[in-house]
Amino acid sequence: MRGGGVLRKNEPAGRSIRGQGDIAVLAPESEETRMNDPVSATIAFLMQNFTLTFLAIAVIVAVIVILVRRPGAHGVWHAFLSWFLFFAIGVTYIYNAVFHIFFGDMAAASIGWENNGFQTEVGFASLGIGIVGIMAFPRRAPYSLKLASLVGPACFLWGAAGAHIIDIIETGNMAPNNAGVILYTDILIPIIGVVLLVGAYLTRPKGRVAAAAIGADPAPA
């Protein structure tokens, strides 16, 4: 085997040992073995497709808040927007930052690329996007900040989606984070964010009612 690795006779299929020098690296289990453990398979799916996971959490939390508070039309839109910004933007990109900064080799492998340093840069860019998403979460945050928290991810995600699609066409790279769920959420998450922002903005209270709703002094007549 390449790298001087040795295959132990008693090792089960999918668990062969590949060594480099004095270090033995345990190869990943086969897909069949993982699928036989539904709990592990579910956890792996949720972690690998974290953009979809945190989007789903945002929807669930927003629905709970709406059912408890029973707000009007603006409150419904704003609940979905706020929790979308918190989870689908803020938490998602902070998670993405940790993954790319501290587990760069793993992140690159999941995309089907080599880690040549780009993972660290992507990680710190993701950290900035995530922090802005958290800053835009509070109800009192201005709509200009909420819009700004969506512009960065839209540029990043649509650019990434384009790069992944080109990579699929040119090289046939069908790695999970190049052609899987991540690709679809790259395209859809900015669209969802814009729809929620527009809905919350168009249904917002106006004039003195709006000022009273946020606790600000109304403008003079």
C-alpha atoms as a PDB file:
ATOM      1  CA  MET A   1       0.000   0.000   0.000  1.00  0.00           C
ATOM      2  CA  ARG A   2       1.046   3.602  -0.572  1.00  0.00           C
ATOM      3  CA  GLY A   3       2.957   5.225   2.266  1.00  0.00           C
ATOM      4  CA  GLY A   4       4.195   1.937   3.673  1.00  0.00           C
ATOM      5  CA  GLY A   5       0.818   1.069   5.165  1.00  0.00           C
ATOM      6  CA  VAL A   6       0.002  -2.446   6.237  1.00  0.00           C
ATOM      7  CA  LEU A   7      -3.315  -4.239   6.185  1.00  0.00           C
ATOM      8  CA  ARG A   8      -3.957  -6.334   9.239  1.00  0.00           C
ATOM      9  CA  LYS A   9      -5.530  -9.640   8.368  1.00  0.00           C
ATOM     10  CA  ASN A  10      -8.033  -9.606  11.208  1.00  0.00           C
ATOM     11  CA  GLU A  11      -9.353  -6.123  10.554  1.00  0.00           C
ATOM     12  CA  PRO A  12     -12.985  -6.059   9.332  1.00  0.00           C
ATOM     13  CA  ALA A  13     -13.840  -4.609   5.943  1.00  0.00           C
ATOM     14  CA  GLY A  14     -13.884  -0.846   5.926  1.00  0.00           C
ATOM     15  CA  ARG A  15     -11.653  -0.618   9.012  1.00  0.00           C
ATOM     16  CA  SER A  16      -8.227  -1.329   7.516  1.00  0.00           C
ATOM     17  CA  ILE A  17      -5.201   0.388   8.993  1.00  0.00           C
ATOM     18  CA  ARG A  18      -3.185   2.704   6.785  1.00  0.00           C
ATOM     19  CA  GLY A  19       0.125   3.662   8.325  1.00  0.00           C
ATOM     20  CA  GLN A  20       2.613   6.387   7.461  1.00  0.00           C
ATOM     21  CA  GLY A  21       5.933   5.798   9.204  1.00  0.00           C
ATOM     22  CA  ASP A  22       5.166   4.848  12.805  1.00  0.00           C
ATOM     23  CA  ILE A  23       1.693   6.417  12.783  1.00  0.00           C
ATOM     24  CA  ALA A  24      -1.354   4.274  11.965  1.00  0.00           C
ATOM     25  CA  VAL A  25      -4.471   6.048  10.789  1.00  0.00           C
ATOM     26  CA  LEU A  26      -7.804   4.304  11.146  1.00  0.00           C
ATOM     27  CA  ALA A  27      -9.711   4.447   7.866  1.00  0.00           C
ATOM     28  CA  PRO A  28     -13.373   5.531   7.942  1.00  0.00           C
ATOM     29  CA  GLU A  29     -16.008   2.890   8.391  1.00  0.00           C
ATOM     30  CA  SER A  30     -17.940   1.774   5.362  1.00  0.00           C
ATOM     31  CA  GLU A  31     -21.202   3.486   4.451  1.00  0.00           C
ATOM     32  CA  GLU A  32     -23.051   0.247   5.191  1.00  0.00           C
ATOM     33  CA  THR A  33     -21.630   0.126   8.729  1.00  0.00           C
ATOM     34  CA  ARG A  34     -22.656   3.705   9.439  1.00  0.00           C
ATOM     35  CA  MET A  35     -26.152   3.164   8.079  1.00  0.00           C
ATOM     36  CA  ASN A  36     -26.637   0.234  10.470  1.00  0.00           C
ATOM     37  CA  ASP A  37     -26.476   2.744  13.342  1.00  0.00           C
ATOM     38  CA  PRO A  38     -29.380   5.161  12.707  1.00  0.00           C
ATOM     39  CA  VAL A  39     -28.466   7.449  15.630  1.00  0.00           C
ATOM     40  CA  SER A  40     -24.909   7.950  14.385  1.00  0.00           C
ATOM     41  CA  ALA A  41     -26.171   8.371  10.829  1.00  0.00           C
ATOM     42  CA  THR A  42     -28.676  11.034  11.922  1.00  0.00           C
ATOM     43  CA  ILE A  43     -26.118  12.959  13.951  1.00  0.00           C
ATOM     44  CA  ALA A  44     -23.642  12.802  11.065  1.00  0.00           C
ATOM     45  CA  PHE A  45     -26.303  14.067   8.644  1.00  0.00           C
ATOM     46  CA  LEU A  46     -27.294  16.970  10.914  1.00  0.00           C
ATOM     47  CA  MET A  47     -23.687  18.028  11.488  1.00  0.00           C
ATOM     48  CA  GLN A  48     -22.657  17.666   7.863  1.00  0.00           C
ATOM     49  CA  ASN A  49     -25.705  19.571   6.620  1.00  0.00           C
ATOM     50  CA  PHE A  50     -25.539  22.174   9.352  1.00  0.00           C
ATOM     51  CA  THR A  51     -26.977  24.959   7.188  1.00  0.00           C
ATOM     52  CA  LEU A  52     -30.218  23.001   6.836  1.00  0.00           C
ATOM     53  CA  THR A  53     -30.106  21.989  10.516  1.00  0.00           C
ATOM     54  CA  PHE A  54     -29.869  25.543  11.848  1.00  0.00           C
ATOM     55  CA  LEU A  55     -32.463  26.759   9.340  1.00  0.00           C
ATOM     56  CA  ALA A  56     -34.867  24.123  10.650  1.00  0.00           C
ATOM     57  CA  ILE A  57     -34.105  25.147  14.253  1.00  0.00           C
ATOM     58  CA  ALA A  58     -34.840  28.773  13.356  1.00  0.00           C
ATOM     59  CA  VAL A  59     -38.238  27.813  11.944  1.00  0.00           C
ATOM     60  CA  ILE A  60     -39.101  25.650  14.950  1.00  0.00           C
ATOM     61  CA  VAL A  61     -38.173  28.351  17.485  1.00  0.00           C
ATOM     62  CA  ALA A  62     -40.060  31.034  15.519  1.00  0.00           C
ATOM     63  CA  VAL A  63     -43.177  28.876  15.371  1.00  0.00           C
ATOM     64  CA  ILE A  64     -43.024  28.288  19.145  1.00  0.00           C
ATOM     65  CA  VAL A  65     -42.634  32.025  19.804  1.00  0.00           C
ATOM     66  CA  ILE A  66     -45.569  32.811  17.515  1.00  0.00           C
ATOM     67  CA  LEU A  67     -47.809  30.201  19.148  1.00  0.00           C
ATOM     68  CA  VAL A  68     -46.989  31.562  22.616  1.00  0.00           C
ATOM     69  CA  ARG A  69     -47.242  35.287  21.861  1.00  0.00           C
ATOM     70  CA  ARG A  70     -49.856  35.166  19.061  1.00  0.00           C
ATOM     71  CA  PRO A  71     -48.677  38.407  17.413  1.00  0.00           C
ATOM     72  CA  GLY A  72     -50.170  40.202  14.432  1.00  0.00           C
ATOM     73  CA  ALA A  73     -48.915  39.956  10.860  1.00  0.00           C
ATOM     74  CA  HIS A  74     -45.809  42.056  11.533  1.00  0.00           C
ATOM     75  CA  GLY A  75     -44.972  40.047  14.630  1.00  0.00           C
ATOM     76  CA  VAL A  76     -45.157  36.808  12.650  1.00  0.00           C
ATOM     77  CA  TRP A  77     -42.852  38.090   9.923  1.00  0.00           C
ATOM     78  CA  HIS A  78     -40.485  39.605  12.458  1.00  0.00           C
ATOM     79  CA  ALA A  79     -40.296  36.425  14.542  1.00  0.00           C
ATOM     80  CA  PHE A  80     -39.292  34.387  11.510  1.00  0.00           C
ATOM     81  CA  LEU A  81     -36.803  37.057  10.413  1.00  0.00           C
ATOM     82  CA  SER A  82     -35.220  37.463  13.854  1.00  0.00           C
ATOM     83  CA  TRP A  83     -34.709  33.766  14.505  1.00  0.00           C
ATOM     84  CA  PHE A  84     -33.561  33.271  10.919  1.00  0.00           C
ATOM     85  CA  LEU A  85     -30.855  35.901  11.488  1.00  0.00           C
ATOM     86  CA  PHE A  86     -29.890  34.336  14.818  1.00  0.00           C
ATOM     87  CA  PHE A  87     -29.679  30.694  13.745  1.00  0.00           C
ATOM     88  CA  ALA A  88     -29.484  30.509   9.929  1.00  0.00           C
ATOM     89  CA  ILE A  89     -26.947  33.361   9.745  1.00  0.00           C
ATOM     90  CA  GLY A  90     -25.390  33.952  13.174  1.00  0.00           C
ATOM     91  CA  VAL A  91     -25.020  30.470  14.638  1.00  0.00           C
ATOM     92  CA  THR A  92     -24.497  28.839  11.229  1.00  0.00           C
ATOM     93  CA  TYR A  93     -21.540  31.023  10.319  1.00  0.00           C
ATOM     94  CA  ILE A  94     -19.928  30.892  13.749  1.00  0.00           C
ATOM     95  CA  TYR A  95     -20.169  27.082  13.501  1.00  0.00           C
ATOM     96  CA  ASN A  96     -18.730  27.313   9.988  1.00  0.00           C
ATOM     97  CA  ALA A  97     -15.883  29.482  11.294  1.00  0.00           C
ATOM     98  CA  VAL A  98     -14.945  26.964  13.988  1.00  0.00           C
ATOM     99  CA  PHE A  99     -15.103  24.104  11.487  1.00  0.00           C
ATOM    100  CA  HIS A 100     -12.909  25.845   8.899  1.00  0.00           C
ATOM    101  CA  ILE A 101     -10.394  27.407  11.302  1.00  0.00           C
ATOM    102  CA  PHE A 102      -9.780  24.452  13.609  1.00  0.00           C
ATOM    103  CA  PHE A 103     -10.662  21.516  11.342  1.00  0.00           C
ATOM    104  CA  GLY A 104      -9.443  22.834   7.999  1.00  0.00           C
ATOM    105  CA  ASP A 105      -8.299  19.497   6.607  1.00  0.00           C
ATOM    106  CA  MET A 106     -11.634  17.887   7.408  1.00  0.00           C
ATOM    107  CA  ALA A 107     -13.567  20.820   5.958  1.00  0.00           C
ATOM    108  CA  ALA A 108     -11.540  20.763   2.738  1.00  0.00           C
ATOM    109  CA  ALA A 109     -11.959  17.000   2.381  1.00  0.00           C
ATOM    110  CA  SER A 110     -15.736  17.307   2.770  1.00  0.00           C
ATOM    111  CA  ILE A 111     -15.757  19.652  -0.235  1.00  0.00           C
ATOM    112  CA  GLY A 112     -13.409  17.421  -2.232  1.00  0.00           C
ATOM    113  CA  TRP A 113     -10.585  19.972  -2.242  1.00  0.00           C
ATOM    114  CA  GLU A 114      -7.110  20.147  -0.728  1.00  0.00           C
ATOM    115  CA  ASN A 115      -6.490  22.433   2.249  1.00  0.00           C
ATOM    116  CA  ASN A 116      -3.999  24.980   0.966  1.00  0.00           C
ATOM    117  CA  GLY A 117      -4.769  27.636   3.569  1.00  0.00           C
ATOM    118  CA  PHE A 118      -8.035  28.896   2.093  1.00  0.00           C
ATOM    119  CA  GLN A 119      -9.984  27.220   4.908  1.00  0.00           C
ATOM    120  CA  THR A 120      -8.599  29.574   7.536  1.00  0.00           C
ATOM    121  CA  GLU A 121      -9.508  32.619   5.472  1.00  0.00           C
ATOM    122  CA  VAL A 122     -13.014  31.292   4.877  1.00  0.00           C
ATOM    123  CA  GLY A 123     -13.291  30.632   8.616  1.00  0.00           C
ATOM    124  CA  PHE A 124     -12.506  34.194   9.658  1.00  0.00           C
ATOM    125  CA  ALA A 125     -14.794  35.615   6.953  1.00  0.00           C
ATOM    126  CA  SER A 126     -17.548  33.342   8.277  1.00  0.00           C
ATOM    127  CA  LEU A 127     -16.894  34.556  11.811  1.00  0.00           C
ATOM    128  CA  GLY A 128     -17.523  38.149  10.741  1.00  0.00           C
ATOM    129  CA  ILE A 129     -20.728  37.210   8.939  1.00  0.00           C
ATOM    130  CA  GLY A 130     -21.948  35.265  11.971  1.00  0.00           C
ATOM    131  CA  ILE A 131     -21.281  38.121  14.394  1.00  0.00           C
ATOM    132  CA  VAL A 132     -23.233  40.570  12.230  1.00  0.00           C
ATOM    133  CA  GLY A 133     -26.110  38.084  12.095  1.00  0.00           C
ATOM    134  CA  ILE A 134     -26.223  37.965  15.911  1.00  0.00           C
ATOM    135  CA  MET A 135     -26.047  41.779  16.082  1.00  0.00           C
ATOM    136  CA  ALA A 136     -29.040  42.049  13.737  1.00  0.00           C
ATOM    137  CA  PHE A 137     -31.146  39.628  15.797  1.00  0.00           C
ATOM    138  CA  PRO A 138     -32.650  41.991  18.430  1.00  0.00           C
ATOM    139  CA  ARG A 139     -36.050  43.476  17.647  1.00  0.00           C
ATOM    140  CA  ARG A 140     -34.696  46.995  18.111  1.00  0.00           C
ATOM    141  CA  ALA A 141     -31.948  46.480  15.518  1.00  0.00           C
ATOM    142  CA  PRO A 142     -32.545  48.830  12.564  1.00  0.00           C
ATOM    143  CA  TYR A 143     -33.611  47.407   9.234  1.00  0.00           C
ATOM    144  CA  SER A 144     -30.415  48.767   7.694  1.00  0.00           C
ATOM    145  CA  LEU A 145     -28.428  46.412   9.944  1.00  0.00           C
ATOM    146  CA  LYS A 146     -30.761  43.499   9.188  1.00  0.00           C
ATOM    147  CA  LEU A 147     -30.279  44.161   5.463  1.00  0.00           C
ATOM    148  CA  ALA A 148     -26.499  44.366   5.892  1.00  0.00           C
ATOM    149  CA  SER A 149     -26.534  41.044   7.732  1.00  0.00           C
ATOM    150  CA  LEU A 150     -28.046  39.450   4.620  1.00  0.00           C
ATOM    151  CA  VAL A 151     -25.885  41.122   1.961  1.00  0.00           C
ATOM    152  CA  GLY A 152     -22.646  39.490   3.125  1.00  0.00           C
ATOM    153  CA  PRO A 153     -24.040  35.940   3.223  1.00  0.00           C
ATOM    154  CA  ALA A 154     -25.770  36.435  -0.136  1.00  0.00           C
ATOM    155  CA  CYS A 155     -22.504  37.402  -1.835  1.00  0.00           C
ATOM    156  CA  PHE A 156     -20.640  34.586  -0.097  1.00  0.00           C
ATOM    157  CA  LEU A 157     -23.249  31.858  -0.662  1.00  0.00           C
ATOM    158  CA  TRP A 158     -24.152  32.653  -4.274  1.00  0.00           C
ATOM    159  CA  GLY A 159     -20.471  32.993  -5.119  1.00  0.00           C
ATOM    160  CA  ALA A 160     -19.757  29.664  -3.421  1.00  0.00           C
ATOM    161  CA  ALA A 161     -22.700  28.009  -5.198  1.00  0.00           C
ATOM    162  CA  GLY A 162     -21.379  29.211  -8.548  1.00  0.00           C
ATOM    163  CA  ALA A 163     -17.906  27.871  -7.760  1.00  0.00           C
ATOM    164  CA  HIS A 164     -19.328  24.511  -6.693  1.00  0.00           C
ATOM    165  CA  ILE A 165     -21.478  24.197  -9.819  1.00  0.00           C
ATOM    166  CA  ILE A 166     -18.489  24.985 -12.054  1.00  0.00           C
ATOM    167  CA  ASP A 167     -16.421  22.421 -10.133  1.00  0.00           C
ATOM    168  CA  ILE A 168     -19.140  19.793 -10.622  1.00  0.00           C
ATOM    169  CA  ILE A 169     -19.325  20.479 -14.364  1.00  0.00           C
ATOM    170  CA  GLU A 170     -15.572  20.580 -14.935  1.00  0.00           C
ATOM    171  CA  THR A 171     -14.343  17.831 -12.603  1.00  0.00           C
ATOM    172  CA  GLY A 172     -17.417  15.827 -11.628  1.00  0.00           C
ATOM    173  CA  ASN A 173     -16.707  16.552  -7.946  1.00  0.00           C
ATOM    174  CA  MET A 174     -19.773  15.184  -6.128  1.00  0.00           C
ATOM    175  CA  ALA A 175     -18.375  15.448  -2.576  1.00  0.00           C
ATOM    176  CA  PRO A 176     -21.118  15.981   0.047  1.00  0.00           C
ATOM    177  CA  ASN A 177     -20.284  19.634   0.708  1.00  0.00           C
ATOM    178  CA  ASN A 178     -19.760  20.384  -2.966  1.00  0.00           C
ATOM    179  CA  ALA A 179     -22.887  18.862  -4.495  1.00  0.00           C
ATOM    180  CA  GLY A 180     -25.100  17.888  -1.564  1.00  0.00           C
ATOM    181  CA  VAL A 181     -27.600  19.731   0.626  1.00  0.00           C
ATOM    182  CA  ILE A 182     -25.098  22.550   1.188  1.00  0.00           C
ATOM    183  CA  LEU A 183     -25.293  23.535  -2.480  1.00  0.00           C
ATOM    184  CA  TYR A 184     -29.064  23.956  -2.328  1.00  0.00           C
ATOM    185  CA  THR A 185     -29.000  25.931   0.917  1.00  0.00           C
ATOM    186  CA  ASP A 186     -26.276  28.151  -0.562  1.00  0.00           C
ATOM    187  CA  ILE A 187     -28.812  29.198  -3.184  1.00  0.00           C
ATOM    188  CA  LEU A 188     -31.964  29.297  -1.067  1.00  0.00           C
ATOM    189  CA  ILE A 189     -30.908  30.859   2.252  1.00  0.00           C
ATOM    190  CA  PRO A 190     -30.290  34.383   0.864  1.00  0.00           C
ATOM    191  CA  ILE A 191     -33.648  34.241  -0.949  1.00  0.00           C
ATOM    192  CA  ILE A 192     -35.437  33.190   2.242  1.00  0.00           C
ATOM    193  CA  GLY A 193     -33.729  35.978   4.165  1.00  0.00           C
ATOM    194  CA  VAL A 194     -34.742  38.659   1.666  1.00  0.00           C
ATOM    195  CA  VAL A 195     -38.359  37.437   1.620  1.00  0.00           C
ATOM    196  CA  LEU A 196     -38.539  37.561   5.430  1.00  0.00           C
ATOM    197  CA  LEU A 197     -36.934  41.009   5.548  1.00  0.00           C
ATOM    198  CA  VAL A 198     -39.329  42.438   2.954  1.00  0.00           C
ATOM    199  CA  GLY A 199     -42.329  40.884   4.698  1.00  0.00           C
ATOM    200  CA  ALA A 200     -41.325  42.300   8.095  1.00  0.00           C
ATOM    201  CA  TYR A 201     -40.583  45.727   6.615  1.00  0.00           C
ATOM    202  CA  LEU A 202     -43.831  46.046   4.657  1.00  0.00           C
ATOM    203  CA  THR A 203     -45.992  45.018   7.623  1.00  0.00           C
ATOM    204  CA  ARG A 204     -44.201  47.200  10.189  1.00  0.00           C
ATOM    205  CA  PRO A 205     -46.192  49.755  12.218  1.00  0.00           C
ATOM    206  CA  LYS A 206     -45.816  53.279  10.913  1.00  0.00           C
ATOM    207  CA  GLY A 207     -45.584  56.749  12.415  1.00  0.00           C
ATOM    208  CA  ARG A 208     -46.452  57.250  16.079  1.00  0.00           C
ATOM    209  CA  VAL A 209     -47.535  53.623  16.423  1.00  0.00           C
ATOM    210  CA  ALA A 210     -44.107  52.422  15.334  1.00  0.00           C
ATOM    211  CA  ALA A 211     -42.336  54.815  17.708  1.00  0.00           C
ATOM    212  CA  ALA A 212     -44.455  53.643  20.630  1.00  0.00           C
ATOM    213  CA  ALA A 213     -43.850  50.000  19.693  1.00  0.00           C
ATOM    214  CA  ILE A 214     -40.079  50.370  20.012  1.00  0.00           C
ATOM    215  CA  GLY A 215     -40.177  52.741  22.960  1.00  0.00           C
ATOM    216  CA  ALA A 216     -38.838  55.753  21.043  1.00  0.00           C
ATOM    217  CA  ASP A 217     -40.081  59.312  21.204  1.00  0.00           C
ATOM    218  CA  PRO A 218     -42.543  60.007  18.376  1.00  0.00           C
ATOM    219  CA  ALA A 219     -41.579  62.600  15.822  1.00  0.00           C
ATOM    220  CA  PRO A 220     -43.180  66.034  16.355  1.00  0.00           C
ATOM    221  CA  ALA A 221     -46.363  66.653  14.399  1.00  0.00           C
END
